[in-house]
Amino acid sequence: MLYTFEGTVKEVMETQTWDSGFKKREIVITSDDKFPQDVKFEFLKDSTLTLDNVNVGDEVIINFSIRGNEYKGKYYVNLNGQTIDVKGAAATTKTKKIETVIPDHSSDDDIPF
């Protein structure tokens, strides 16, 4: 089951890689609530690449799953990021408008070709 969380990127950590080839990258998002919370999410394996275009200060929407396990009588919970979308990313893309000007030759006596 996927959950959604919205907030502002506080920190993007470096990718951690183990000898087995397993990769993990963590990100901290600050909620926009009345009492803001800093929540850490982890992206695993190839999904670590999705954080390459995310910067501190970006407003994001993250879809994640909750994973839990028990180890030696202690319980652990991880929030595994699945996707992350930067709000307004399409709006920040710069485009250049090309304007075509067709000269008015109606008063010229010359043939237009």
C-alpha atoms as a PDB file:
ATOM      1  CA  MET A   1       0.000   0.000   0.000  1.00  0.00           C
ATOM      2  CA  LEU A   2       1.357   3.444  -0.950  1.00  0.00           C
ATOM      3  CA  TYR A   3       1.073   6.568   1.161  1.00  0.00           C
ATOM      4  CA  THR A   4       1.674  10.198   0.209  1.00  0.00           C
ATOM      5  CA  PHE A   5       3.644  12.878   2.060  1.00  0.00           C
ATOM      6  CA  GLU A   6       4.141  16.519   1.073  1.00  0.00           C
ATOM      7  CA  GLY A   7       6.755  18.947   2.286  1.00  0.00           C
ATOM      8  CA  THR A   8      10.027  20.748   1.672  1.00  0.00           C
ATOM      9  CA  VAL A   9      13.354  18.974   1.169  1.00  0.00           C
ATOM     10  CA  LYS A  10      15.605  19.600   4.159  1.00  0.00           C
ATOM     11  CA  GLU A  11      18.473  17.264   3.282  1.00  0.00           C
ATOM     12  CA  VAL A  12      19.486  14.807   0.554  1.00  0.00           C
ATOM     13  CA  MET A  13      22.159  12.353   1.693  1.00  0.00           C
ATOM     14  CA  GLU A  14      24.808  10.701  -0.446  1.00  0.00           C
ATOM     15  CA  THR A  15      24.208   7.205  -1.810  1.00  0.00           C
ATOM     16  CA  GLN A  16      25.512   4.403   0.406  1.00  0.00           C
ATOM     17  CA  THR A  17      26.791   1.291  -1.389  1.00  0.00           C
ATOM     18  CA  TRP A  18      27.694  -2.071   0.151  1.00  0.00           C
ATOM     19  CA  ASP A  19      30.036  -4.808  -1.144  1.00  0.00           C
ATOM     20  CA  SER A  20      27.006  -6.854  -2.199  1.00  0.00           C
ATOM     21  CA  GLY A  21      26.013  -4.052  -4.611  1.00  0.00           C
ATOM     22  CA  PHE A  22      23.037  -2.966  -2.492  1.00  0.00           C
ATOM     23  CA  LYS A  23      22.465   0.816  -2.562  1.00  0.00           C
ATOM     24  CA  LYS A  24      20.507   3.114  -0.283  1.00  0.00           C
ATOM     25  CA  ARG A  25      19.964   6.890  -0.326  1.00  0.00           C
ATOM     26  CA  GLU A  26      18.069   8.871   2.285  1.00  0.00           C
ATOM     27  CA  ILE A  27      16.188  12.159   2.116  1.00  0.00           C
ATOM     28  CA  VAL A  28      14.656  14.288   4.882  1.00  0.00           C
ATOM     29  CA  ILE A  29      11.383  16.120   4.179  1.00  0.00           C
ATOM     30  CA  THR A  30       9.926  18.795   6.480  1.00  0.00           C
ATOM     31  CA  SER A  31       6.127  18.763   6.593  1.00  0.00           C
ATOM     32  CA  ASP A  32       4.131  21.952   6.040  1.00  0.00           C
ATOM     33  CA  ASP A  33       1.959  21.339   9.122  1.00  0.00           C
ATOM     34  CA  LYS A  34       1.246  23.716  12.001  1.00  0.00           C
ATOM     35  CA  PHE A  35       3.937  21.814  13.909  1.00  0.00           C
ATOM     36  CA  PRO A  36       6.451  20.827  11.174  1.00  0.00           C
ATOM     37  CA  GLN A  37       8.006  17.378  11.362  1.00  0.00           C
ATOM     38  CA  ASP A  38      11.279  16.216   9.795  1.00  0.00           C
ATOM     39  CA  VAL A  39      10.673  12.771   8.273  1.00  0.00           C
ATOM     40  CA  LYS A  40      13.391  10.560   6.768  1.00  0.00           C
ATOM     41  CA  PHE A  41      12.643   8.370   3.741  1.00  0.00           C
ATOM     42  CA  GLU A  42      14.958   5.880   2.090  1.00  0.00           C
ATOM     43  CA  PHE A  43      15.232   4.968  -1.575  1.00  0.00           C
ATOM     44  CA  LEU A  44      16.731   1.563  -2.347  1.00  0.00           C
ATOM     45  CA  LYS A  45      18.643   0.011  -5.241  1.00  0.00           C
ATOM     46  CA  ASP A  46      17.989   1.705  -8.620  1.00  0.00           C
ATOM     47  CA  SER A  47      15.402   4.097  -7.169  1.00  0.00           C
ATOM     48  CA  THR A  48      18.291   6.038  -5.575  1.00  0.00           C
ATOM     49  CA  LEU A  49      18.717   7.721  -8.970  1.00  0.00           C
ATOM     50  CA  THR A  50      15.333   9.450  -8.605  1.00  0.00           C
ATOM     51  CA  LEU A  51      16.902  11.773  -6.027  1.00  0.00           C
ATOM     52  CA  ASP A  52      19.524  13.116  -8.452  1.00  0.00           C
ATOM     53  CA  ASN A  53      17.212  15.939  -9.596  1.00  0.00           C
ATOM     54  CA  VAL A  54      15.938  16.862  -6.118  1.00  0.00           C
ATOM     55  CA  ASN A  55      17.486  19.815  -4.277  1.00  0.00           C
ATOM     56  CA  VAL A  56      17.305  21.254  -0.773  1.00  0.00           C
ATOM     57  CA  GLY A  57      14.380  23.673  -0.611  1.00  0.00           C
ATOM     58  CA  ASP A  58      12.297  21.937  -3.295  1.00  0.00           C
ATOM     59  CA  GLU A  59       8.646  21.389  -2.457  1.00  0.00           C
ATOM     60  CA  VAL A  60       7.892  17.737  -3.144  1.00  0.00           C
ATOM     61  CA  ILE A  61       5.252  15.041  -3.037  1.00  0.00           C
ATOM     62  CA  ILE A  62       6.623  11.630  -2.139  1.00  0.00           C
ATOM     63  CA  ASN A  63       4.876   8.267  -2.501  1.00  0.00           C
ATOM     64  CA  PHE A  64       6.164   5.664  -0.077  1.00  0.00           C
ATOM     65  CA  SER A  65       5.483   2.316   1.534  1.00  0.00           C
ATOM     66  CA  ILE A  66       5.931   1.364   5.171  1.00  0.00           C
ATOM     67  CA  ARG A  67       8.234  -1.553   5.931  1.00  0.00           C
ATOM     68  CA  GLY A  68       8.679  -3.064   9.382  1.00  0.00           C
ATOM     69  CA  ASN A  69      10.712  -5.880  10.888  1.00  0.00           C
ATOM     70  CA  GLU A  70      11.850  -7.345  14.195  1.00  0.00           C
ATOM     71  CA  TYR A  71      15.490  -7.999  15.053  1.00  0.00           C
ATOM     72  CA  LYS A  72      16.607  -9.393  18.425  1.00  0.00           C
ATOM     73  CA  GLY A  73      13.445  -8.267  20.176  1.00  0.00           C
ATOM     74  CA  LYS A  74      13.471  -4.744  18.757  1.00  0.00           C
ATOM     75  CA  TYR A  75      11.105  -3.447  16.104  1.00  0.00           C
ATOM     76  CA  TYR A  76      12.138  -1.199  13.235  1.00  0.00           C
ATOM     77  CA  VAL A  77      10.088   0.809  10.769  1.00  0.00           C
ATOM     78  CA  ASN A  78      11.362   2.167   7.452  1.00  0.00           C
ATOM     79  CA  LEU A  79       9.606   4.519   5.057  1.00  0.00           C
ATOM     80  CA  ASN A  80      10.638   3.335   1.586  1.00  0.00           C
ATOM     81  CA  GLY A  81      10.283   5.998  -1.089  1.00  0.00           C
ATOM     82  CA  GLN A  82       8.795   4.809  -4.359  1.00  0.00           C
ATOM     83  CA  THR A  83       8.437   8.044  -6.362  1.00  0.00           C
ATOM     84  CA  ILE A  84       9.084  11.719  -5.743  1.00  0.00           C
ATOM     85  CA  ASP A  85       7.658  14.661  -7.684  1.00  0.00           C
ATOM     86  CA  VAL A  86       8.965  18.213  -7.418  1.00  0.00           C
ATOM     87  CA  LYS A  87       6.022  20.620  -7.276  1.00  0.00           C
ATOM     88  CA  GLY A  88       6.036  23.133 -10.126  1.00  0.00           C
ATOM     89  CA  ALA A  89       8.885  21.389 -11.962  1.00  0.00           C
ATOM     90  CA  ALA A  90       7.149  21.911 -15.314  1.00  0.00           C
ATOM     91  CA  ALA A  91       6.543  25.569 -14.514  1.00  0.00           C
ATOM     92  CA  THR A  92      10.234  26.199 -13.868  1.00  0.00           C
ATOM     93  CA  THR A  93      11.278  24.878 -17.263  1.00  0.00           C
ATOM     94  CA  LYS A  94      12.435  27.803 -19.321  1.00  0.00           C
ATOM     95  CA  THR A  95      11.082  28.034 -22.816  1.00  0.00           C
ATOM     96  CA  LYS A  96      11.920  30.578 -25.437  1.00  0.00           C
ATOM     97  CA  LYS A  97       9.178  31.907 -27.649  1.00  0.00           C
ATOM     98  CA  ILE A  98      10.186  32.204 -31.277  1.00  0.00           C
ATOM     99  CA  GLU A  99       8.458  34.965 -33.106  1.00  0.00           C
ATOM    100  CA  THR A 100       8.240  35.021 -36.867  1.00  0.00           C
ATOM    101  CA  VAL A 101       7.983  38.406 -38.529  1.00  0.00           C
ATOM    102  CA  ILE A 102       6.697  38.493 -42.112  1.00  0.00           C
ATOM    103  CA  PRO A 103       7.554  41.770 -43.782  1.00  0.00           C
ATOM    104  CA  ASP A 104       4.722  43.645 -45.459  1.00  0.00           C
ATOM    105  CA  HIS A 105       5.619  43.982 -49.158  1.00  0.00           C
ATOM    106  CA  SER A 106       2.178  45.141 -50.311  1.00  0.00           C
ATOM    107  CA  SER A 107       3.538  48.501 -51.398  1.00  0.00           C
ATOM    108  CA  ASP A 108       6.514  47.052 -53.274  1.00  0.00           C
ATOM    109  CA  ASP A 109       6.326  46.852 -57.042  1.00  0.00           C
ATOM    110  CA  ASP A 110       8.726  43.923 -57.113  1.00  0.00           C
ATOM    111  CA  ILE A 111       7.655  40.360 -57.622  1.00  0.00           C
ATOM    112  CA  PRO A 112       7.712  38.616 -54.210  1.00  0.00           C
ATOM    113  CA  PHE A 113       9.943  35.750 -55.358  1.00  0.00           C
END
